[in-house]
C-alpha atoms as a PDB file:
ATOM      1  CA  UNK A   1     -35.794-146.474-196.304  1.00  0.00           C
ATOM      2  CA  UNK A   2     -32.647-148.734-195.357  1.00  0.00           C
ATOM      3  CA  UNK A   3     -32.767-151.678-192.208  1.00  0.00           C
ATOM      4  CA  UNK A   4     -30.603-153.243-189.474  1.00  0.00           C
ATOM      5  CA  UNK A   5     -31.320-156.800-189.496  1.00  0.00           C
ATOM      6  CA  UNK A   6     -30.130-158.643-186.174  1.00  0.00           C
ATOM      7  CA  UNK A   7     -30.871-162.306-185.594  1.00  0.00           C
ATOM      8  CA  UNK A   8     -29.921-164.347-181.953  1.00  0.00           C
ATOM      9  CA  UNK A   9     -31.746-166.128-179.609  1.00  0.00           C
ATOM     10  CA  UNK A  10     -35.846-165.346-179.017  1.00  0.00           C
ATOM     11  CA  UNK A  11     -35.979-164.370-175.171  1.00  0.00           C
ATOM     12  CA  UNK A  12     -32.869-162.046-176.467  1.00  0.00           C
ATOM     13  CA  UNK A  13     -34.206-160.330-179.026  1.00  0.00           C
ATOM     14  CA  UNK A  14     -38.114-159.669-177.344  1.00  0.00           C
ATOM     15  CA  UNK A  15     -35.252-158.204-174.635  1.00  0.00           C
ATOM     16  CA  UNK A  16     -34.057-155.612-176.556  1.00  0.00           C
ATOM     17  CA  UNK A  17     -37.977-154.932-178.426  1.00  0.00           C
ATOM     18  CA  UNK A  18     -39.603-154.629-175.411  1.00  0.00           C
ATOM     19  CA  UNK A  19     -36.622-152.475-173.775  1.00  0.00           C
ATOM     20  CA  UNK A  20     -36.849-150.234-177.079  1.00  0.00           C
ATOM     21  CA  UNK A  21     -40.991-149.989-177.622  1.00  0.00           C
ATOM     22  CA  UNK A  22     -40.788-148.899-173.762  1.00  0.00           C
ATOM     23  CA  UNK A  23     -38.129-146.354-174.202  1.00  0.00           C
ATOM     24  CA  UNK A  24     -39.915-144.744-177.447  1.00  0.00           C
ATOM     25  CA  UNK A  25     -43.155-144.304-174.889  1.00  0.00           C
ATOM     26  CA  UNK A  26     -40.567-141.534-173.533  1.00  0.00           C
ATOM     27  CA  UNK A  27     -40.503-139.848-176.815  1.00  0.00           C
ATOM     28  CA  UNK A  28     -43.193-138.570-177.646  1.00  0.00           C
ATOM     29  CA  UNK A  29     -42.799-136.186-174.491  1.00  0.00           C
ATOM     30  CA  UNK A  30     -39.609-135.220-175.234  1.00  0.00           C
ATOM     31  CA  UNK A  31     -37.530-138.113-174.238  1.00  0.00           C
ATOM     32  CA  UNK A  32     -34.344-139.109-175.980  1.00  0.00           C
ATOM     33  CA  UNK A  33     -35.340-140.272-179.732  1.00  0.00           C
ATOM     34  CA  UNK A  34     -35.066-144.290-180.229  1.00  0.00           C
ATOM     35  CA  UNK A  35     -33.598-146.551-182.858  1.00  0.00           C
ATOM     36  CA  UNK A  36     -36.982-146.848-184.677  1.00  0.00           C
ATOM     37  CA  UNK A  37     -38.276-150.900-184.210  1.00  0.00           C
ATOM     38  CA  UNK A  38     -39.565-151.931-187.428  1.00  0.00           C
ATOM     39  CA  UNK A  39     -39.525-155.594-187.069  1.00  0.00           C
ATOM     40  CA  UNK A  40     -42.814-157.822-185.813  1.00  0.00           C
ATOM     41  CA  UNK A  41     -43.899-159.910-182.636  1.00  0.00           C
ATOM     42  CA  UNK A  42     -43.653-162.842-185.204  1.00  0.00           C
ATOM     43  CA  UNK A  43     -40.110-161.967-186.579  1.00  0.00           C
ATOM     44  CA  UNK A  44     -39.640-161.667-182.768  1.00  0.00           C
ATOM     45  CA  UNK A  45     -40.334-165.077-182.353  1.00  0.00           C
ATOM     46  CA  UNK A  46     -37.741-166.541-185.137  1.00  0.00           C
ATOM     47  CA  UNK A  47     -35.096-164.234-183.275  1.00  0.00           C
ATOM     48  CA  UNK A  48     -35.098-161.771-186.051  1.00  0.00           C
ATOM     49  CA  UNK A  49     -35.351-157.762-184.881  1.00  0.00           C
ATOM     50  CA  UNK A  50     -35.542-154.813-188.099  1.00  0.00           C
ATOM     51  CA  UNK A  51     -34.642-151.707-187.339  1.00  0.00           C
ATOM     52  CA  UNK A  52     -34.246-148.495-189.148  1.00  0.00           C
ATOM     53  CA  UNK A  53     -30.212-148.087-190.286  1.00  0.00           C
ATOM     54  CA  UNK A  54     -29.045-145.096-189.380  1.00  0.00           C
ATOM     55  CA  UNK A  55     -25.982-142.676-190.845  1.00  0.00           C
ATOM     56  CA  UNK A  56     -23.714-141.150-187.891  1.00  0.00           C
ATOM     57  CA  UNK A  57     -22.828-137.949-187.728  1.00  0.00           C
ATOM     58  CA  UNK A  58     -19.817-136.172-185.796  1.00  0.00           C
ATOM     59  CA  UNK A  59     -21.488-135.321-182.564  1.00  0.00           C
ATOM     60  CA  UNK A  60     -21.497-131.508-180.829  1.00  0.00           C
ATOM     61  CA  UNK A  61     -21.246-130.059-177.854  1.00  0.00           C
ATOM     62  CA  UNK A  62     -24.657-128.244-178.670  1.00  0.00           C
ATOM     63  CA  UNK A  63     -26.462-131.894-179.579  1.00  0.00           C
ATOM     64  CA  UNK A  64     -25.111-133.760-176.770  1.00  0.00           C
ATOM     65  CA  UNK A  65     -26.444-131.235-174.589  1.00  0.00           C
ATOM     66  CA  UNK A  66     -29.209-131.382-176.286  1.00  0.00           C
ATOM     67  CA  UNK A  67     -29.214-135.040-175.875  1.00  0.00           C
ATOM     68  CA  UNK A  68     -28.450-134.936-172.161  1.00  0.00           C
ATOM     69  CA  UNK A  69     -31.602-133.055-171.708  1.00  0.00           C
ATOM     70  CA  UNK A  70     -34.091-135.570-173.476  1.00  0.00           C
ATOM     71  CA  UNK A  71     -32.716-138.564-171.558  1.00  0.00           C
ATOM     72  CA  UNK A  72     -33.644-136.720-168.173  1.00  0.00           C
ATOM     73  CA  UNK A  73     -37.189-136.939-169.420  1.00  0.00           C
ATOM     74  CA  UNK A  74     -36.431-140.751-171.030  1.00  0.00           C
ATOM     75  CA  UNK A  75     -35.376-141.394-167.469  1.00  0.00           C
ATOM     76  CA  UNK A  76     -38.624-139.404-165.658  1.00  0.00           C
ATOM     77  CA  UNK A  77     -40.894-141.263-167.748  1.00  0.00           C
ATOM     78  CA  UNK A  78     -43.403-143.730-165.879  1.00  0.00           C
ATOM     79  CA  UNK A  79     -47.256-144.168-166.588  1.00  0.00           C
ATOM     80  CA  UNK A  80     -47.176-146.367-164.186  1.00  0.00           C
ATOM     81  CA  UNK A  81     -46.335-144.164-161.280  1.00  0.00           C
ATOM     82  CA  UNK A  82     -44.313-146.802-159.766  1.00  0.00           C
ATOM     83  CA  UNK A  83     -41.091-147.846-161.433  1.00  0.00           C
ATOM     84  CA  UNK A  84     -39.344-150.218-159.382  1.00  0.00           C
ATOM     85  CA  UNK A  85     -35.621-151.290-159.186  1.00  0.00           C
ATOM     86  CA  UNK A  86     -34.856-154.206-161.776  1.00  0.00           C
ATOM     87  CA  UNK A  87     -38.155-153.499-163.102  1.00  0.00           C
ATOM     88  CA  UNK A  88     -38.369-155.557-166.556  1.00  0.00           C
ATOM     89  CA  UNK A  89     -39.393-153.560-169.988  1.00  0.00           C
ATOM     90  CA  UNK A  90     -43.259-153.430-170.691  1.00  0.00           C
ATOM     91  CA  UNK A  91     -43.809-154.122-166.907  1.00  0.00           C
ATOM     92  CA  UNK A  92     -42.875-157.951-166.548  1.00  0.00           C
ATOM     93  CA  UNK A  93     -39.586-160.038-166.475  1.00  0.00           C
ATOM     94  CA  UNK A  94     -41.404-162.773-168.430  1.00  0.00           C
ATOM     95  CA  UNK A  95     -43.662-161.310-171.426  1.00  0.00           C
ATOM     96  CA  UNK A  96     -46.387-162.594-173.620  1.00  0.00           C
ATOM     97  CA  UNK A  97     -47.386-159.816-175.807  1.00  0.00           C
ATOM     98  CA  UNK A  98     -50.710-158.889-177.775  1.00  0.00           C
ATOM     99  CA  UNK A  99     -48.960-157.652-180.027  1.00  0.00           C
ATOM    100  CA  UNK A 100     -50.649-158.748-183.349  1.00  0.00           C
ATOM    101  CA  UNK A 101     -48.178-160.732-185.654  1.00  0.00           C
ATOM    102  CA  UNK A 102     -48.931-159.144-188.971  1.00  0.00           C
ATOM    103  CA  UNK A 103     -48.336-155.421-187.363  1.00  0.00           C
ATOM    104  CA  UNK A 104     -45.003-153.961-186.802  1.00  0.00           C
ATOM    105  CA  UNK A 105     -44.352-151.763-184.016  1.00  0.00           C
ATOM    106  CA  UNK A 106     -44.907-148.565-185.381  1.00  0.00           C
ATOM    107  CA  UNK A 107     -41.836-146.282-184.881  1.00  0.00           C
ATOM    108  CA  UNK A 108     -41.217-144.078-182.244  1.00  0.00           C
ATOM    109  CA  UNK A 109     -44.652-145.598-181.282  1.00  0.00           C
ATOM    110  CA  UNK A 110     -44.828-147.799-177.447  1.00  0.00           C
ATOM    111  CA  UNK A 111     -45.355-151.892-178.710  1.00  0.00           C
ATOM    112  CA  UNK A 112     -49.147-152.583-176.856  1.00  0.00           C
ATOM    113  CA  UNK A 113     -49.739-153.837-173.869  1.00  0.00           C
ATOM    114  CA  UNK A 114     -47.538-156.843-172.807  1.00  0.00           C
ATOM    115  CA  UNK A 115     -49.228-157.658-169.511  1.00  0.00           C
ATOM    116  CA  UNK A 116     -49.843-161.168-169.340  1.00  0.00           C
ATOM    117  CA  UNK A 117     -47.075-162.982-168.322  1.00  0.00           C
ATOM    118  CA  UNK A 118     -45.145-166.006-170.210  1.00  0.00           C
ATOM    119  CA  UNK A 119     -42.884-165.768-172.374  1.00  0.00           C
ATOM    120  CA  UNK A 120     -39.477-165.209-171.181  1.00  0.00           C
ATOM    121  CA  UNK A 121     -37.130-162.685-172.017  1.00  0.00           C
ATOM    122  CA  UNK A 122     -33.274-161.912-171.660  1.00  0.00           C
ATOM    123  CA  UNK A 123     -31.575-158.490-171.572  1.00  0.00           C
ATOM    124  CA  UNK A 124     -28.329-158.748-173.567  1.00  0.00           C
ATOM    125  CA  UNK A 125     -26.383-162.285-173.805  1.00  0.00           C
ATOM    126  CA  UNK A 126     -25.267-161.653-169.822  1.00  0.00           C
ATOM    127  CA  UNK A 127     -28.542-162.124-168.952  1.00  0.00           C
ATOM    128  CA  UNK A 128     -28.734-159.105-166.709  1.00  0.00           C
ATOM    129  CA  UNK A 129     -30.696-159.774-163.575  1.00  0.00           C
ATOM    130  CA  UNK A 130     -34.634-158.050-163.807  1.00  0.00           C
ATOM    131  CA  UNK A 131     -38.223-159.039-161.816  1.00  0.00           C
ATOM    132  CA  UNK A 132     -41.663-158.315-162.193  1.00  0.00           C
ATOM    133  CA  UNK A 133     -43.696-154.497-161.264  1.00  0.00           C
ATOM    134  CA  UNK A 134     -45.031-156.338-158.678  1.00  0.00           C
ATOM    135  CA  UNK A 135     -41.732-157.493-157.095  1.00  0.00           C
ATOM    136  CA  UNK A 136     -41.263-156.519-153.949  1.00  0.00           C
ATOM    137  CA  UNK A 137     -39.129-152.707-153.362  1.00  0.00           C
ATOM    138  CA  UNK A 138     -36.274-152.565-152.706  1.00  0.00           C
ATOM    139  CA  UNK A 139     -34.168-150.166-151.992  1.00  0.00           C
ATOM    140  CA  UNK A 140     -30.796-149.197-154.676  1.00  0.00           C
ATOM    141  CA  UNK A 141     -28.209-150.154-152.811  1.00  0.00           C
ATOM    142  CA  UNK A 142     -30.103-153.380-152.304  1.00  0.00           C
ATOM    143  CA  UNK A 143     -30.784-153.944-155.412  1.00  0.00           C
ATOM    144  CA  UNK A 144     -27.443-152.456-157.255  1.00  0.00           C
ATOM    145  CA  UNK A 145     -25.765-155.051-154.221  1.00  0.00           C
ATOM    146  CA  UNK A 146     -27.508-158.254-155.324  1.00  0.00           C
ATOM    147  CA  UNK A 147     -28.077-157.650-159.251  1.00  0.00           C
ATOM    148  CA  UNK A 148     -26.011-155.492-160.503  1.00  0.00           C
ATOM    149  CA  UNK A 149     -22.298-156.668-158.457  1.00  0.00           C
ATOM    150  CA  UNK A 150     -22.450-159.682-156.539  1.00  0.00           C
ATOM    151  CA  UNK A 151     -23.350-161.780-159.182  1.00  0.00           C
ATOM    152  CA  UNK A 152     -20.773-161.204-161.167  1.00  0.00           C
ATOM    153  CA  UNK A 153     -17.814-161.843-158.187  1.00  0.00           C
ATOM    154  CA  UNK A 154     -17.408-165.822-159.124  1.00  0.00           C
ATOM    155  CA  UNK A 155     -16.989-165.284-162.706  1.00  0.00           C
ATOM    156  CA  UNK A 156     -14.749-162.520-162.722  1.00  0.00           C
ATOM    157  CA  UNK A 157     -12.973-164.652-159.875  1.00  0.00           C
ATOM    158  CA  UNK A 158     -13.099-167.670-161.536  1.00  0.00           C
ATOM    159  CA  UNK A 159     -11.117-165.685-164.944  1.00  0.00           C
ATOM    160  CA  UNK A 160      -8.491-164.638-162.712  1.00  0.00           C
ATOM    161  CA  UNK A 161     -10.004-160.778-163.517  1.00  0.00           C
ATOM    162  CA  UNK A 162      -9.950-160.750-159.201  1.00  0.00           C
ATOM    163  CA  UNK A 163      -8.074-162.529-156.538  1.00  0.00           C
ATOM    164  CA  UNK A 164     -10.080-163.163-153.397  1.00  0.00           C
ATOM    165  CA  UNK A 165      -8.707-160.040-151.753  1.00  0.00           C
ATOM    166  CA  UNK A 166     -10.451-158.253-154.465  1.00  0.00           C
ATOM    167  CA  UNK A 167     -13.568-160.156-154.345  1.00  0.00           C
ATOM    168  CA  UNK A 168     -13.597-160.016-150.628  1.00  0.00           C
ATOM    169  CA  UNK A 169     -13.452-156.176-150.884  1.00  0.00           C
ATOM    170  CA  UNK A 170     -16.229-155.911-153.135  1.00  0.00           C
ATOM    171  CA  UNK A 171     -18.143-158.080-150.944  1.00  0.00           C
ATOM    172  CA  UNK A 172     -17.743-155.484-148.087  1.00  0.00           C
ATOM    173  CA  UNK A 173     -18.699-152.763-150.504  1.00  0.00           C
ATOM    174  CA  UNK A 174     -21.919-155.003-150.959  1.00  0.00           C
ATOM    175  CA  UNK A 175     -22.853-155.067-147.534  1.00  0.00           C
ATOM    176  CA  UNK A 176     -22.544-151.125-147.385  1.00  0.00           C
ATOM    177  CA  UNK A 177     -24.722-150.664-150.134  1.00  0.00           C
ATOM    178  CA  UNK A 178     -27.524-152.983-148.077  1.00  0.00           C
ATOM    179  CA  UNK A 179     -26.970-150.823-145.592  1.00  0.00           C
ATOM    180  CA  UNK A 180     -27.772-147.736-147.204  1.00  0.00           C
ATOM    181  CA  UNK A 181     -24.884-146.073-147.141  1.00  0.00           C
ATOM    182  CA  UNK A 182     -25.365-144.821-150.860  1.00  0.00           C
ATOM    183  CA  UNK A 183     -28.436-144.925-151.557  1.00  0.00           C
ATOM    184  CA  UNK A 184     -29.541-140.788-152.691  1.00  0.00           C
ATOM    185  CA  UNK A 185     -32.608-139.303-154.562  1.00  0.00           C
ATOM    186  CA  UNK A 186     -33.233-139.988-158.028  1.00  0.00           C
ATOM    187  CA  UNK A 187     -32.776-136.285-160.248  1.00  0.00           C
ATOM    188  CA  UNK A 188     -35.485-133.648-159.720  1.00  0.00           C
ATOM    189  CA  UNK A 189     -37.887-135.125-162.176  1.00  0.00           C
ATOM    190  CA  UNK A 190     -38.175-138.991-161.130  1.00  0.00           C
ATOM    191  CA  UNK A 191     -40.713-139.285-159.310  1.00  0.00           C
ATOM    192  CA  UNK A 192     -40.982-143.018-158.899  1.00  0.00           C
ATOM    193  CA  UNK A 193     -38.448-144.952-156.415  1.00  0.00           C
ATOM    194  CA  UNK A 194     -36.500-145.724-160.162  1.00  0.00           C
ATOM    195  CA  UNK A 195     -35.586-144.432-163.610  1.00  0.00           C
ATOM    196  CA  UNK A 196     -36.455-145.573-166.998  1.00  0.00           C
ATOM    197  CA  UNK A 197     -32.841-146.817-167.855  1.00  0.00           C
ATOM    198  CA  UNK A 198     -31.473-147.741-171.221  1.00  0.00           C
ATOM    199  CA  UNK A 199     -29.237-149.552-169.196  1.00  0.00           C
ATOM    200  CA  UNK A 200     -26.278-150.025-171.199  1.00  0.00           C
ATOM    201  CA  UNK A 201     -25.377-146.649-172.153  1.00  0.00           C
ATOM    202  CA  UNK A 202     -21.818-146.691-173.065  1.00  0.00           C
ATOM    203  CA  UNK A 203     -20.464-144.382-175.853  1.00  0.00           C
ATOM    204  CA  UNK A 204     -21.477-146.453-178.849  1.00  0.00           C
ATOM    205  CA  UNK A 205     -24.603-146.916-177.196  1.00  0.00           C
ATOM    206  CA  UNK A 206     -25.777-143.784-178.490  1.00  0.00           C
ATOM    207  CA  UNK A 207     -25.650-143.201-181.851  1.00  0.00           C
ATOM    208  CA  UNK A 208     -25.590-139.068-183.266  1.00  0.00           C
ATOM    209  CA  UNK A 209     -27.774-138.960-186.131  1.00  0.00           C
ATOM    210  CA  UNK A 210     -29.171-135.352-187.600  1.00  0.00           C
ATOM    211  CA  UNK A 211     -31.883-136.288-185.100  1.00  0.00           C
ATOM    212  CA  UNK A 212     -29.762-135.810-182.440  1.00  0.00           C
ATOM    213  CA  UNK A 213     -28.027-138.822-180.309  1.00  0.00           C
ATOM    214  CA  UNK A 214     -30.309-141.777-181.037  1.00  0.00           C
ATOM    215  CA  UNK A 215     -30.323-144.755-177.819  1.00  0.00           C
ATOM    216  CA  UNK A 216     -29.612-148.634-180.006  1.00  0.00           C
ATOM    217  CA  UNK A 217     -29.044-151.264-177.995  1.00  0.00           C
ATOM    218  CA  UNK A 218     -30.929-151.186-174.571  1.00  0.00           C
ATOM    219  CA  UNK A 219     -31.384-153.313-172.551  1.00  0.00           C
ATOM    220  CA  UNK A 220     -34.219-151.029-170.496  1.00  0.00           C
ATOM    221  CA  UNK A 221     -35.087-151.350-166.392  1.00  0.00           C
ATOM    222  CA  UNK A 222     -35.762-149.581-163.431  1.00  0.00           C
ATOM    223  CA  UNK A 223     -32.930-148.665-161.903  1.00  0.00           C
ATOM    224  CA  UNK A 224     -31.095-145.219-160.759  1.00  0.00           C
ATOM    225  CA  UNK A 225     -30.554-142.639-163.363  1.00  0.00           C
ATOM    226  CA  UNK A 226     -27.075-142.047-162.267  1.00  0.00           C
ATOM    227  CA  UNK A 227     -25.808-145.150-164.068  1.00  0.00           C
ATOM    228  CA  UNK A 228     -27.146-144.122-167.352  1.00  0.00           C
ATOM    229  CA  UNK A 229     -25.141-141.275-166.586  1.00  0.00           C
ATOM    230  CA  UNK A 230     -21.901-142.729-164.864  1.00  0.00           C
ATOM    231  CA  UNK A 231     -21.846-145.586-167.933  1.00  0.00           C
ATOM    232  CA  UNK A 232     -21.603-142.850-170.557  1.00  0.00           C
ATOM    233  CA  UNK A 233     -18.395-141.456-169.000  1.00  0.00           C
ATOM    234  CA  UNK A 234     -16.750-145.127-168.646  1.00  0.00           C
ATOM    235  CA  UNK A 235     -15.444-145.309-172.375  1.00  0.00           C
ATOM    236  CA  UNK A 236     -15.221-141.752-172.702  1.00  0.00           C
ATOM    237  CA  UNK A 237     -18.175-140.561-174.695  1.00  0.00           C
ATOM    238  CA  UNK A 238     -18.256-136.970-176.682  1.00  0.00           C
ATOM    239  CA  UNK A 239     -18.914-133.788-174.801  1.00  0.00           C
ATOM    240  CA  UNK A 240     -19.448-135.677-171.589  1.00  0.00           C
ATOM    241  CA  UNK A 241     -20.055-132.968-169.620  1.00  0.00           C
ATOM    242  CA  UNK A 242     -22.152-131.365-172.529  1.00  0.00           C
ATOM    243  CA  UNK A 243     -24.500-134.716-171.399  1.00  0.00           C
ATOM    244  CA  UNK A 244     -24.609-133.789-167.821  1.00  0.00           C
ATOM    245  CA  UNK A 245     -25.378-130.092-168.315  1.00  0.00           C
ATOM    246  CA  UNK A 246     -28.197-130.652-170.338  1.00  0.00           C
ATOM    247  CA  UNK A 247     -30.007-133.175-168.139  1.00  0.00           C
ATOM    248  CA  UNK A 248     -28.978-130.940-165.017  1.00  0.00           C
ATOM    249  CA  UNK A 249     -30.538-127.925-166.233  1.00  0.00           C
ATOM    250  CA  UNK A 250     -33.683-129.825-167.096  1.00  0.00           C
ATOM    251  CA  UNK A 251     -33.673-132.211-163.778  1.00  0.00           C
ATOM    252  CA  UNK A 252     -31.429-130.896-161.670  1.00  0.00           C
ATOM    253  CA  UNK A 253     -28.827-134.237-159.997  1.00  0.00           C
ATOM    254  CA  UNK A 254     -29.008-135.065-156.178  1.00  0.00           C
ATOM    255  CA  UNK A 255     -25.680-132.805-153.967  1.00  0.00           C
ATOM    256  CA  UNK A 256     -23.097-135.284-154.077  1.00  0.00           C
ATOM    257  CA  UNK A 257     -23.535-136.415-157.931  1.00  0.00           C
ATOM    258  CA  UNK A 258     -19.998-136.441-159.001  1.00  0.00           C
ATOM    259  CA  UNK A 259     -18.858-138.801-156.202  1.00  0.00           C
ATOM    260  CA  UNK A 260     -21.301-140.830-156.596  1.00  0.00           C
ATOM    261  CA  UNK A 261     -20.118-141.572-160.718  1.00  0.00           C
ATOM    262  CA  UNK A 262     -17.462-144.232-159.683  1.00  0.00           C
ATOM    263  CA  UNK A 263     -19.999-146.160-157.749  1.00  0.00           C
ATOM    264  CA  UNK A 264     -22.554-145.650-160.697  1.00  0.00           C
ATOM    265  CA  UNK A 265     -19.703-146.824-163.248  1.00  0.00           C
ATOM    266  CA  UNK A 266     -19.220-150.112-161.278  1.00  0.00           C
ATOM    267  CA  UNK A 267     -21.888-152.461-163.069  1.00  0.00           C
ATOM    268  CA  UNK A 268     -20.980-151.525-166.477  1.00  0.00           C
ATOM    269  CA  UNK A 269     -16.683-152.730-165.175  1.00  0.00           C
ATOM    270  CA  UNK A 270     -17.450-155.532-163.259  1.00  0.00           C
ATOM    271  CA  UNK A 271     -19.633-156.762-166.050  1.00  0.00           C
ATOM    272  CA  UNK A 272     -16.566-156.532-168.105  1.00  0.00           C
ATOM    273  CA  UNK A 273     -14.546-157.792-165.718  1.00  0.00           C
ATOM    274  CA  UNK A 274     -16.479-161.185-166.079  1.00  0.00           C
ATOM    275  CA  UNK A 275     -17.258-161.144-169.834  1.00  0.00           C
ATOM    276  CA  UNK A 276     -13.689-160.222-170.808  1.00  0.00           C
ATOM    277  CA  UNK A 277     -11.489-160.631-167.415  1.00  0.00           C
ATOM    278  CA  UNK A 278      -7.807-159.265-167.660  1.00  0.00           C
ATOM    279  CA  UNK A 279      -7.707-155.193-166.535  1.00  0.00           C
ATOM    280  CA  UNK A 280     -11.449-154.835-166.155  1.00  0.00           C
ATOM    281  CA  UNK A 281     -11.089-156.307-162.360  1.00  0.00           C
ATOM    282  CA  UNK A 282      -7.817-154.186-161.559  1.00  0.00           C
ATOM    283  CA  UNK A 283     -10.045-151.044-162.882  1.00  0.00           C
ATOM    284  CA  UNK A 284     -13.541-152.146-161.170  1.00  0.00           C
ATOM    285  CA  UNK A 285     -11.105-152.127-157.721  1.00  0.00           C
ATOM    286  CA  UNK A 286      -9.666-148.357-158.344  1.00  0.00           C
ATOM    287  CA  UNK A 287     -13.097-147.557-159.227  1.00  0.00           C
ATOM    288  CA  UNK A 288     -14.228-148.852-155.947  1.00  0.00           C
ATOM    289  CA  UNK A 289     -11.657-147.584-153.356  1.00  0.00           C
ATOM    290  CA  UNK A 290     -13.140-144.291-152.625  1.00  0.00           C
ATOM    291  CA  UNK A 291     -16.346-145.825-151.214  1.00  0.00           C
ATOM    292  CA  UNK A 292     -14.481-149.250-149.472  1.00  0.00           C
END
């Protein structure tokens, strides 16, 4: 088996490893396939992660529809019965683990328990805010404003992607989010407050293989399922309409989901504005305008 190796900060490597492991828990229950994790806890402590090297194929409408159906089951996976918004992978924000340093995670299987809390993890190089499972429950709007938009307003203003007027407009939108204006039910299969998200589901993080659409490079956490789906549309995932169709067949989205695509795209857009500047600020404001 060919392997793919990445190196980096151990906290970030652990964040990816725990994300892959949590998403992989859903696969035997009909969830989307996840790139197999081959590295050990000792590897992660050294800042090394090893995965199976995947071979890509051309996406098809049929594969996209099947991926949508399987993504719906991933979003619904919650053995605890109460996933909250912002919940970190492995049910811990900083997590130590009981993984044996000598034992690699079995491909397609979840990592062992991560209940002991002492290791800090970081989700992505941008350090996505997450919370432990016992954090006070918040509404979608409270979470989305505080953790997915507001942390990036200052950096986007500092790099001139946003001016004062644009920043103020997004601050007003955050107030509307907190007021619950845009809270909506999760899709039909999701019975917890929050769904299990990939967390960075742009088109490049779905690798089309002979085994179907496979999830790579996750920053998994509890969120609204519509956010993962909307993120796929931002950079034009192939056959996005088929992904939505397959999803809706298995786990129908709440009424008005089409109108909320722009709202759920705001996180990835403001994140790009904060990281890269340029036209991403204008794109963020254009997406936000219908909700102001």
